[in-house]
């Protein structure tokens, strides 16, 4: 999956999670609120994973470029 897709997937989970959390609060549905919080946090983790993946790729590319010199 590309970085753009990873970031989009993370944003989608954070947005949908926030909506579910708010819907749960408004309706008094604790399980829906918890489901939303969980999905929102999963999105945050996916976002961090995408950042780490990008940093790792950058380091590998830098090391590869140094080896070519």
N, C-alpha and C. Protein backbone atom coordinates (compact mmCIF):
# COMPACT_ATOMS: atom_id res chain seq x y z
N UNK A 1 0.85 -1.17 0.00
CA UNK A 1 0.00 0.00 0.00
C UNK A 1 0.90 1.24 0.00
N UNK A 2 0.54 2.25 -0.76
CA UNK A 2 1.34 3.45 -0.84
C UNK A 2 1.12 4.32 0.39
N UNK A 3 2.03 5.28 0.56
CA UNK A 3 1.92 6.18 1.70
C UNK A 3 0.59 6.94 1.65
N UNK A 4 0.21 7.38 0.45
CA UNK A 4 -1.05 8.11 0.31
C UNK A 4 -2.23 7.25 0.74
N UNK A 5 -2.24 6.00 0.31
CA UNK A 5 -3.33 5.10 0.71
C UNK A 5 -3.31 4.84 2.21
N UNK A 6 -2.13 4.67 2.78
CA UNK A 6 -2.01 4.45 4.23
C UNK A 6 -2.57 5.64 5.00
N UNK A 7 -2.19 6.84 4.56
CA UNK A 7 -2.64 8.06 5.23
C UNK A 7 -4.15 8.23 5.06
N UNK A 8 -4.67 7.94 3.87
CA UNK A 8 -6.10 8.06 3.63
C UNK A 8 -6.88 7.09 4.50
N UNK A 9 -6.38 5.86 4.60
CA UNK A 9 -7.03 4.84 5.42
C UNK A 9 -7.05 5.27 6.89
N UNK A 10 -5.95 5.85 7.35
CA UNK A 10 -5.87 6.33 8.73
C UNK A 10 -6.86 7.47 8.96
N UNK A 11 -6.91 8.40 8.02
CA UNK A 11 -7.83 9.54 8.14
C UNK A 11 -9.28 9.06 8.13
N UNK A 12 -9.57 8.08 7.29
CA UNK A 12 -10.92 7.53 7.21
C UNK A 12 -11.32 6.95 8.56
N UNK A 13 -10.43 6.15 9.17
CA UNK A 13 -10.75 5.55 10.46
C UNK A 13 -10.91 6.60 11.55
N UNK A 14 -10.06 7.61 11.54
CA UNK A 14 -10.18 8.66 12.55
C UNK A 14 -11.49 9.43 12.40
N UNK A 15 -11.86 9.73 11.17
CA UNK A 15 -13.08 10.49 10.91
C UNK A 15 -14.35 9.69 11.24
N UNK A 16 -14.40 8.46 10.75
CA UNK A 16 -15.56 7.62 11.02
C UNK A 16 -15.65 7.31 12.50
N UNK A 17 -14.52 7.07 13.12
CA UNK A 17 -14.49 6.79 14.56
C UNK A 17 -15.02 7.96 15.36
N UNK A 18 -14.62 9.17 14.99
CA UNK A 18 -15.09 10.36 15.69
C UNK A 18 -16.61 10.51 15.53
N UNK A 19 -17.10 10.25 14.32
CA UNK A 19 -18.54 10.34 14.07
C UNK A 19 -19.31 9.32 14.91
N UNK A 20 -18.81 8.09 14.97
CA UNK A 20 -19.47 7.06 15.78
C UNK A 20 -19.44 7.42 17.26
N UNK A 21 -18.30 7.95 17.69
CA UNK A 21 -18.17 8.34 19.09
C UNK A 21 -19.21 9.43 19.44
N UNK A 22 -19.32 10.43 18.58
CA UNK A 22 -20.28 11.51 18.82
C UNK A 22 -21.72 10.99 18.77
N UNK A 23 -22.01 10.12 17.81
CA UNK A 23 -23.35 9.55 17.71
C UNK A 23 -23.69 8.77 18.97
N UNK A 24 -22.71 8.03 19.47
CA UNK A 24 -22.92 7.28 20.71
C UNK A 24 -23.19 8.18 21.90
N UNK A 25 -22.46 9.29 21.97
CA UNK A 25 -22.67 10.24 23.06
C UNK A 25 -24.06 10.86 22.98
N UNK A 26 -24.46 11.28 21.78
CA UNK A 26 -25.75 11.94 21.59
C UNK A 26 -26.91 11.00 21.91
N UNK A 27 -26.78 9.75 21.49
CA UNK A 27 -27.88 8.80 21.69
C UNK A 27 -27.79 8.05 23.01
N UNK A 28 -26.69 8.22 23.73
CA UNK A 28 -26.52 7.51 24.98
C UNK A 28 -26.14 6.06 24.80
N UNK A 29 -25.64 5.71 23.61
CA UNK A 29 -25.25 4.34 23.29
C UNK A 29 -23.76 4.17 23.62
N UNK A 30 -23.50 3.64 24.80
CA UNK A 30 -22.11 3.49 25.26
C UNK A 30 -21.28 2.59 24.36
N UNK A 31 -21.89 1.52 23.83
CA UNK A 31 -21.11 0.61 22.99
C UNK A 31 -20.74 1.28 21.66
N UNK A 32 -21.62 2.09 21.11
CA UNK A 32 -21.32 2.81 19.87
C UNK A 32 -20.23 3.86 20.13
N UNK A 33 -20.30 4.51 21.26
CA UNK A 33 -19.28 5.49 21.64
C UNK A 33 -17.92 4.81 21.78
N UNK A 34 -17.89 3.67 22.44
CA UNK A 34 -16.64 2.92 22.61
C UNK A 34 -16.11 2.43 21.26
N UNK A 35 -17.01 1.95 20.41
CA UNK A 35 -16.62 1.50 19.07
C UNK A 35 -15.97 2.65 18.31
N UNK A 36 -16.54 3.83 18.42
CA UNK A 36 -15.99 5.00 17.75
C UNK A 36 -14.62 5.37 18.29
N UNK A 37 -14.49 5.36 19.60
CA UNK A 37 -13.19 5.68 20.21
C UNK A 37 -12.12 4.68 19.75
N UNK A 38 -12.51 3.42 19.72
CA UNK A 38 -11.58 2.37 19.30
C UNK A 38 -11.15 2.57 17.84
N UNK A 39 -12.11 2.86 16.97
CA UNK A 39 -11.79 3.06 15.56
C UNK A 39 -10.94 4.31 15.37
N UNK A 40 -11.23 5.36 16.13
CA UNK A 40 -10.44 6.59 16.05
C UNK A 40 -8.99 6.33 16.47
N UNK A 41 -8.80 5.58 17.54
CA UNK A 41 -7.45 5.26 18.00
C UNK A 41 -6.73 4.36 16.99
N UNK A 42 -7.46 3.45 16.38
CA UNK A 42 -6.86 2.60 15.34
C UNK A 42 -6.36 3.47 14.19
N UNK A 43 -7.12 4.48 13.84
CA UNK A 43 -6.69 5.41 12.79
C UNK A 43 -5.43 6.15 13.17
N UNK A 44 -5.33 6.56 14.42
CA UNK A 44 -4.12 7.24 14.89
C UNK A 44 -2.90 6.31 14.79
N UNK A 45 -3.11 5.04 15.16
CA UNK A 45 -2.01 4.08 15.07
C UNK A 45 -1.60 3.84 13.62
N UNK A 46 -2.58 3.75 12.72
CA UNK A 46 -2.27 3.58 11.30
C UNK A 46 -1.48 4.77 10.77
N UNK A 47 -1.82 5.95 11.24
CA UNK A 47 -1.12 7.16 10.83
C UNK A 47 0.34 7.11 11.27
N UNK A 48 0.55 6.71 12.51
CA UNK A 48 1.92 6.59 13.03
C UNK A 48 2.70 5.52 12.29
N UNK A 49 2.02 4.42 11.97
CA UNK A 49 2.65 3.34 11.22
C UNK A 49 3.11 3.83 9.85
N UNK A 50 2.26 4.61 9.18
CA UNK A 50 2.60 5.16 7.87
C UNK A 50 3.81 6.08 7.97
N UNK A 51 3.87 6.89 9.03
CA UNK A 51 5.01 7.78 9.23
C UNK A 51 6.30 6.99 9.46
N UNK A 52 6.22 5.95 10.29
CA UNK A 52 7.40 5.12 10.55
C UNK A 52 7.87 4.39 9.30
N UNK A 53 6.91 3.91 8.53
CA UNK A 53 7.23 3.22 7.28
C UNK A 53 7.96 4.17 6.32
N UNK A 54 7.49 5.41 6.26
CA UNK A 54 8.10 6.42 5.40
C UNK A 54 9.52 6.75 5.88
N UNK A 55 9.69 6.90 7.19
CA UNK A 55 11.01 7.20 7.74
C UNK A 55 11.98 6.05 7.48
N UNK A 56 11.52 4.82 7.63
CA UNK A 56 12.37 3.66 7.39
C UNK A 56 12.79 3.60 5.93
N UNK A 57 11.86 3.85 5.02
CA UNK A 57 12.19 3.84 3.60
C UNK A 57 13.21 4.92 3.26
N UNK A 58 13.05 6.07 3.89
CA UNK A 58 14.00 7.17 3.66
C UNK A 58 15.40 6.77 4.13
N UNK A 59 15.50 6.15 5.30
CA UNK A 59 16.80 5.72 5.83
C UNK A 59 17.44 4.67 4.92
N UNK A 60 16.63 3.73 4.44
CA UNK A 60 17.16 2.69 3.55
C UNK A 60 17.67 3.33 2.26
N UNK A 61 16.90 4.27 1.73
CA UNK A 61 17.33 4.95 0.50
C UNK A 61 18.61 5.74 0.72
N UNK A 62 18.73 6.41 1.85
CA UNK A 62 19.95 7.15 2.17
C UNK A 62 21.14 6.21 2.27
N UNK A 63 20.97 5.08 2.93
CA UNK A 63 22.06 4.12 3.07
C UNK A 63 22.45 3.52 1.72
N UNK A 64 21.46 3.25 0.90
CA UNK A 64 21.71 2.70 -0.43
C UNK A 64 22.46 3.71 -1.28
N UNK A 65 22.06 4.98 -1.18
CA UNK A 65 22.73 6.02 -1.95
C UNK A 65 24.18 6.19 -1.50
N UNK A 66 24.45 6.07 -0.21
CA UNK A 66 25.82 6.18 0.30
C UNK A 66 26.67 5.03 -0.23
N UNK A 67 26.09 3.84 -0.29
CA UNK A 67 26.83 2.67 -0.76
C UNK A 67 27.19 2.77 -2.23
N UNK A 68 26.42 3.52 -2.99
CA UNK A 68 26.68 3.66 -4.42
C UNK A 68 27.84 4.62 -4.71
N UNK A 69 28.22 5.40 -3.75
CA UNK A 69 29.31 6.37 -3.96
C UNK A 69 30.65 5.73 -3.90
